[in-house]
N, C-alpha and C. Protein backbone atom coordinates (compact mmCIF):
# COMPACT_ATOMS: atom_id res chain seq x y z
N MET A 1 -188.28 56.40 131.49
CA MET A 1 -188.20 55.33 132.46
C MET A 1 -186.79 55.24 133.05
N LEU A 2 -185.80 55.46 132.23
CA LEU A 2 -184.42 55.38 132.71
C LEU A 2 -184.17 56.41 133.81
N LEU A 3 -184.66 57.62 133.60
CA LEU A 3 -184.49 58.67 134.61
C LEU A 3 -185.21 58.29 135.91
N PHE A 4 -186.42 57.77 135.79
CA PHE A 4 -187.18 57.36 136.97
C PHE A 4 -186.46 56.23 137.70
N ASP A 5 -185.97 55.25 136.94
CA ASP A 5 -185.26 54.12 137.56
C ASP A 5 -184.02 54.58 138.33
N LYS A 6 -183.36 55.59 137.82
CA LYS A 6 -182.11 56.04 138.45
C LYS A 6 -182.34 57.05 139.58
N TYR A 7 -183.31 57.96 139.41
CA TYR A 7 -183.49 59.06 140.37
C TYR A 7 -184.86 59.08 141.05
N GLY A 8 -185.73 58.16 140.70
CA GLY A 8 -187.04 58.08 141.34
C GLY A 8 -187.96 59.23 140.96
N GLU A 9 -189.01 59.40 141.75
CA GLU A 9 -190.01 60.43 141.47
C GLU A 9 -189.42 61.83 141.54
N GLU A 10 -188.51 62.06 142.46
CA GLU A 10 -187.91 63.39 142.59
C GLU A 10 -187.17 63.78 141.31
N GLY A 11 -186.37 62.87 140.78
CA GLY A 11 -185.63 63.15 139.55
C GLY A 11 -186.56 63.37 138.36
N LEU A 12 -187.58 62.55 138.28
CA LEU A 12 -188.54 62.70 137.19
C LEU A 12 -189.26 64.04 137.31
N TYR A 13 -189.65 64.43 138.50
CA TYR A 13 -190.32 65.70 138.71
C TYR A 13 -189.42 66.88 138.32
N LYS A 14 -188.14 66.78 138.62
CA LYS A 14 -187.22 67.87 138.30
C LYS A 14 -186.97 68.00 136.80
N TYR A 15 -187.07 66.90 136.05
CA TYR A 15 -186.66 66.91 134.65
C TYR A 15 -187.75 66.55 133.65
N TYR A 16 -188.99 66.37 134.08
CA TYR A 16 -190.01 65.94 133.12
C TYR A 16 -190.27 66.99 132.04
N LYS A 17 -190.20 68.27 132.35
CA LYS A 17 -190.42 69.30 131.34
C LYS A 17 -189.31 69.31 130.30
N VAL A 18 -188.10 69.11 130.76
CA VAL A 18 -186.95 69.06 129.85
C VAL A 18 -187.08 67.84 128.92
N LEU A 19 -187.43 66.70 129.49
CA LEU A 19 -187.60 65.49 128.67
C LEU A 19 -188.75 65.66 127.68
N TYR A 20 -189.83 66.28 128.11
CA TYR A 20 -190.96 66.56 127.22
C TYR A 20 -190.49 67.41 126.03
N ALA A 21 -189.73 68.45 126.31
CA ALA A 21 -189.24 69.33 125.24
C ALA A 21 -188.33 68.57 124.28
N ILE A 22 -187.47 67.72 124.79
CA ILE A 22 -186.57 66.94 123.94
C ILE A 22 -187.36 66.02 123.03
N VAL A 23 -188.32 65.33 123.58
CA VAL A 23 -189.10 64.36 122.80
C VAL A 23 -189.99 65.06 121.77
N TYR A 24 -190.69 66.10 122.17
CA TYR A 24 -191.65 66.71 121.27
C TYR A 24 -191.05 67.63 120.23
N ARG A 25 -189.81 68.01 120.39
CA ARG A 25 -189.20 68.81 119.34
C ARG A 25 -189.12 68.00 118.04
N LEU A 26 -188.94 66.70 118.14
CA LEU A 26 -188.91 65.83 116.96
C LEU A 26 -190.25 65.92 116.22
N ARG A 27 -191.35 65.91 116.94
CA ARG A 27 -192.68 65.99 116.33
C ARG A 27 -192.87 67.31 115.58
N LEU A 28 -192.35 68.39 116.11
CA LEU A 28 -192.50 69.68 115.45
C LEU A 28 -191.54 69.86 114.29
N GLU A 29 -190.34 69.32 114.39
CA GLU A 29 -189.32 69.54 113.36
C GLU A 29 -189.51 68.63 112.13
N GLN A 30 -190.16 67.53 112.31
CA GLN A 30 -190.35 66.58 111.21
C GLN A 30 -191.80 66.60 110.74
N TYR A 31 -191.99 66.63 109.43
CA TYR A 31 -193.35 66.58 108.90
C TYR A 31 -193.97 65.22 109.19
N GLN A 32 -193.14 64.19 109.09
CA GLN A 32 -193.60 62.83 109.34
C GLN A 32 -192.56 62.13 110.21
N VAL A 33 -193.00 61.43 111.23
CA VAL A 33 -192.09 60.72 112.13
C VAL A 33 -192.35 59.22 112.00
N ARG A 34 -191.32 58.50 111.60
CA ARG A 34 -191.44 57.04 111.44
C ARG A 34 -190.66 56.34 112.55
N TYR A 35 -190.95 55.06 112.71
CA TYR A 35 -190.33 54.27 113.77
C TYR A 35 -188.80 54.34 113.71
N ASN A 36 -188.23 54.23 112.53
CA ASN A 36 -186.77 54.23 112.38
C ASN A 36 -186.16 55.51 112.95
N LYS A 37 -186.81 56.65 112.71
CA LYS A 37 -186.32 57.93 113.22
C LYS A 37 -186.42 57.98 114.75
N VAL A 38 -187.53 57.47 115.28
CA VAL A 38 -187.72 57.46 116.73
C VAL A 38 -186.68 56.57 117.40
N ALA A 39 -186.36 55.44 116.78
CA ALA A 39 -185.38 54.51 117.34
C ALA A 39 -183.98 55.13 117.39
N LYS A 40 -183.64 55.96 116.41
CA LYS A 40 -182.31 56.59 116.35
C LYS A 40 -182.23 57.90 117.13
N TYR A 41 -183.37 58.47 117.43
CA TYR A 41 -183.43 59.82 118.01
C TYR A 41 -182.61 60.00 119.29
N PRO A 42 -182.69 59.10 120.27
CA PRO A 42 -181.89 59.31 121.50
C PRO A 42 -180.38 59.36 121.23
N ILE A 43 -179.93 58.65 120.23
CA ILE A 43 -178.50 58.66 119.88
C ILE A 43 -178.17 59.96 119.15
N GLU A 44 -179.01 60.33 118.20
CA GLU A 44 -178.79 61.55 117.43
C GLU A 44 -178.90 62.81 118.29
N MET A 45 -179.62 62.73 119.37
CA MET A 45 -179.81 63.89 120.25
C MET A 45 -178.67 64.02 121.26
N GLY A 46 -177.50 63.64 120.90
CA GLY A 46 -176.36 63.84 121.79
C GLY A 46 -176.23 62.78 122.87
N GLY A 47 -176.77 61.60 122.60
CA GLY A 47 -176.65 60.52 123.57
C GLY A 47 -177.55 60.71 124.78
N LEU A 48 -178.81 60.98 124.53
CA LEU A 48 -179.78 61.22 125.59
C LEU A 48 -179.72 60.17 126.69
N PHE A 49 -179.78 58.91 126.32
CA PHE A 49 -179.74 57.84 127.32
C PHE A 49 -178.38 57.77 128.01
N ALA A 50 -177.32 58.02 127.27
CA ALA A 50 -175.98 57.98 127.87
C ALA A 50 -175.82 59.07 128.93
N ILE A 51 -176.38 60.24 128.68
CA ILE A 51 -176.31 61.33 129.66
C ILE A 51 -176.95 60.89 130.97
N ILE A 52 -178.13 60.31 130.86
CA ILE A 52 -178.85 59.86 132.07
C ILE A 52 -178.11 58.71 132.73
N GLU A 53 -177.71 57.73 131.95
CA GLU A 53 -177.05 56.54 132.50
C GLU A 53 -175.73 56.88 133.17
N ASN A 54 -174.96 57.79 132.59
CA ASN A 54 -173.63 58.12 133.12
C ASN A 54 -173.66 59.19 134.20
N SER A 55 -174.81 59.79 134.43
CA SER A 55 -174.90 60.84 135.46
C SER A 55 -174.75 60.23 136.85
N LYS A 56 -174.12 61.00 137.71
CA LYS A 56 -173.93 60.58 139.10
C LYS A 56 -174.81 61.39 140.06
N ASN A 57 -175.29 62.54 139.56
CA ASN A 57 -176.12 63.42 140.39
C ASN A 57 -176.91 64.36 139.47
N TYR A 58 -177.73 65.20 140.06
CA TYR A 58 -178.54 66.11 139.28
C TYR A 58 -177.71 67.11 138.49
N TYR A 59 -176.57 67.47 139.01
CA TYR A 59 -175.70 68.41 138.31
C TYR A 59 -175.29 67.85 136.95
N ASP A 60 -175.02 66.57 136.88
CA ASP A 60 -174.66 65.93 135.61
C ASP A 60 -175.82 65.95 134.62
N LEU A 61 -177.04 65.97 135.11
CA LEU A 61 -178.20 65.97 134.23
C LEU A 61 -178.45 67.32 133.56
N ARG A 62 -177.72 68.36 133.97
CA ARG A 62 -177.91 69.67 133.35
C ARG A 62 -177.63 69.63 131.85
N LYS A 63 -176.88 68.63 131.39
CA LYS A 63 -176.61 68.47 129.96
C LYS A 63 -177.90 68.26 129.18
N LEU A 64 -178.92 67.73 129.82
CA LEU A 64 -180.21 67.54 129.16
C LEU A 64 -180.81 68.89 128.75
N ASN A 65 -180.57 69.92 129.54
CA ASN A 65 -181.09 71.25 129.21
C ASN A 65 -180.57 71.74 127.86
N SER A 66 -179.31 71.43 127.57
CA SER A 66 -178.75 71.88 126.29
C SER A 66 -179.36 71.13 125.11
N LEU A 67 -179.87 69.93 125.33
CA LEU A 67 -180.56 69.20 124.26
C LEU A 67 -181.95 69.75 124.02
N ALA A 68 -182.57 70.28 125.06
CA ALA A 68 -183.94 70.77 124.95
C ALA A 68 -184.03 72.19 124.41
N SER A 69 -183.01 73.00 124.64
CA SER A 69 -183.14 74.44 124.43
C SER A 69 -182.83 75.01 123.05
N PRO A 70 -182.17 74.30 122.12
CA PRO A 70 -181.90 74.95 120.83
C PRO A 70 -183.19 75.31 120.07
N ARG A 71 -183.06 76.26 119.19
CA ARG A 71 -184.15 76.73 118.35
C ARG A 71 -184.82 75.56 117.64
N ILE A 72 -186.13 75.63 117.51
CA ILE A 72 -186.89 74.61 116.79
C ILE A 72 -187.42 75.22 115.49
N ASP A 73 -187.11 74.57 114.37
CA ASP A 73 -187.66 74.97 113.08
C ASP A 73 -188.92 74.15 112.85
N CYS A 74 -190.04 74.76 113.11
CA CYS A 74 -191.33 74.08 113.20
C CYS A 74 -191.94 73.80 111.83
N GLN A 75 -192.37 72.54 111.64
CA GLN A 75 -193.07 72.14 110.42
C GLN A 75 -194.52 71.77 110.69
N ARG A 76 -194.89 71.67 111.96
CA ARG A 76 -196.24 71.22 112.32
C ARG A 76 -196.89 72.21 113.27
N ASP A 77 -198.17 72.39 113.10
CA ASP A 77 -198.92 73.31 113.93
C ASP A 77 -199.62 72.51 115.03
N GLU A 78 -198.88 72.23 116.09
CA GLU A 78 -199.39 71.45 117.23
C GLU A 78 -199.55 72.41 118.41
N LYS A 79 -200.76 72.89 118.60
CA LYS A 79 -201.05 73.97 119.54
C LYS A 79 -200.50 73.74 120.95
N VAL A 80 -200.84 72.64 121.58
CA VAL A 80 -200.46 72.39 122.97
C VAL A 80 -198.94 72.31 123.12
N ILE A 81 -198.29 71.66 122.19
CA ILE A 81 -196.84 71.51 122.26
C ILE A 81 -196.14 72.85 122.07
N ILE A 82 -196.58 73.60 121.07
CA ILE A 82 -195.95 74.90 120.79
C ILE A 82 -196.15 75.85 121.97
N GLU A 83 -197.35 75.90 122.51
CA GLU A 83 -197.59 76.78 123.66
C GLU A 83 -196.69 76.42 124.84
N PHE A 84 -196.55 75.14 125.11
CA PHE A 84 -195.69 74.71 126.22
C PHE A 84 -194.24 75.11 125.98
N LEU A 85 -193.72 74.80 124.80
CA LEU A 85 -192.30 75.07 124.52
C LEU A 85 -192.00 76.57 124.49
N LEU A 86 -192.91 77.35 123.94
CA LEU A 86 -192.70 78.80 123.88
C LEU A 86 -192.85 79.46 125.24
N ASN A 87 -193.94 79.16 125.91
CA ASN A 87 -194.31 79.92 127.10
C ASN A 87 -193.79 79.32 128.40
N GLU A 88 -193.69 78.03 128.48
CA GLU A 88 -193.23 77.38 129.71
C GLU A 88 -191.70 77.20 129.71
N MET A 89 -191.16 76.80 128.56
CA MET A 89 -189.72 76.49 128.47
C MET A 89 -188.91 77.62 127.83
N GLN A 90 -189.58 78.61 127.23
CA GLN A 90 -188.93 79.73 126.53
C GLN A 90 -187.95 79.24 125.45
N ILE A 91 -188.33 78.20 124.73
CA ILE A 91 -187.51 77.69 123.63
C ILE A 91 -187.90 78.45 122.37
N PRO A 92 -186.95 79.01 121.64
CA PRO A 92 -187.30 79.75 120.42
C PRO A 92 -187.82 78.80 119.34
N ILE A 93 -188.95 79.16 118.76
CA ILE A 93 -189.57 78.35 117.72
C ILE A 93 -189.83 79.24 116.51
N PHE A 94 -189.47 78.75 115.33
CA PHE A 94 -189.65 79.48 114.09
C PHE A 94 -190.30 78.57 113.07
N SER A 95 -191.12 79.13 112.22
CA SER A 95 -191.74 78.34 111.16
C SER A 95 -190.70 78.04 110.10
N LYS A 96 -190.68 76.80 109.67
CA LYS A 96 -189.73 76.40 108.62
C LYS A 96 -190.19 76.90 107.25
N PHE A 97 -191.47 77.19 107.12
CA PHE A 97 -192.03 77.58 105.83
C PHE A 97 -192.51 79.02 105.86
N LYS A 98 -192.65 79.59 104.69
CA LYS A 98 -193.27 80.91 104.51
C LYS A 98 -194.46 80.72 103.59
N GLY A 99 -195.40 81.62 103.70
CA GLY A 99 -196.57 81.55 102.83
C GLY A 99 -197.65 80.66 103.40
N GLU A 100 -198.32 79.92 102.53
CA GLU A 100 -199.49 79.13 102.92
C GLU A 100 -199.17 78.06 103.97
N ALA A 101 -197.99 77.46 103.91
CA ALA A 101 -197.62 76.38 104.84
C ALA A 101 -197.01 76.89 106.14
N GLU A 102 -196.87 78.19 106.28
CA GLU A 102 -196.23 78.77 107.47
C GLU A 102 -197.03 78.48 108.74
N VAL A 103 -196.33 78.12 109.80
CA VAL A 103 -196.94 77.94 111.11
C VAL A 103 -196.88 79.30 111.81
N ASN A 104 -198.03 79.83 112.18
CA ASN A 104 -198.09 81.15 112.81
C ASN A 104 -197.78 81.03 114.29
N ILE A 105 -196.52 81.15 114.64
CA ILE A 105 -196.06 81.00 116.02
C ILE A 105 -196.61 82.12 116.91
N ASP A 106 -196.80 83.32 116.35
CA ASP A 106 -197.24 84.46 117.15
C ASP A 106 -198.59 84.24 117.83
N LYS A 107 -199.46 83.42 117.26
CA LYS A 107 -200.77 83.22 117.87
C LYS A 107 -200.67 82.41 119.17
N TYR A 108 -199.52 81.83 119.47
CA TYR A 108 -199.35 81.02 120.67
C TYR A 108 -198.65 81.75 121.82
N ARG A 109 -198.12 82.91 121.55
CA ARG A 109 -197.40 83.65 122.60
C ARG A 109 -198.37 84.24 123.60
N ILE A 110 -198.01 84.15 124.86
CA ILE A 110 -198.81 84.79 125.91
C ILE A 110 -198.40 86.25 126.00
N ALA A 111 -199.36 87.10 125.91
CA ALA A 111 -199.05 88.55 125.92
C ALA A 111 -198.76 89.04 127.30
């Protein structure tokens, strides 16, 4: 909402994929997500809201890309999210576990 309020539909259209990746990486990296973690997440993610609030133009928003792009150590097998992050955003994703609990990332890659 903050991005939309500041940059309107154009800004949201330019950055919705990046914001999606930032938000959903938490779902993949954590086995369980509780309210307390969600409340702290924008601060822990390098000041997500501060980046948007302090930006003066789209160039300043490029910092959001660096929050979205680091490797994800996946704990959850969420098909739609993994496919999007791997194939649309080219974010590296690795299973945090080996053996029975391993998330098979290879089944989501587009050949």
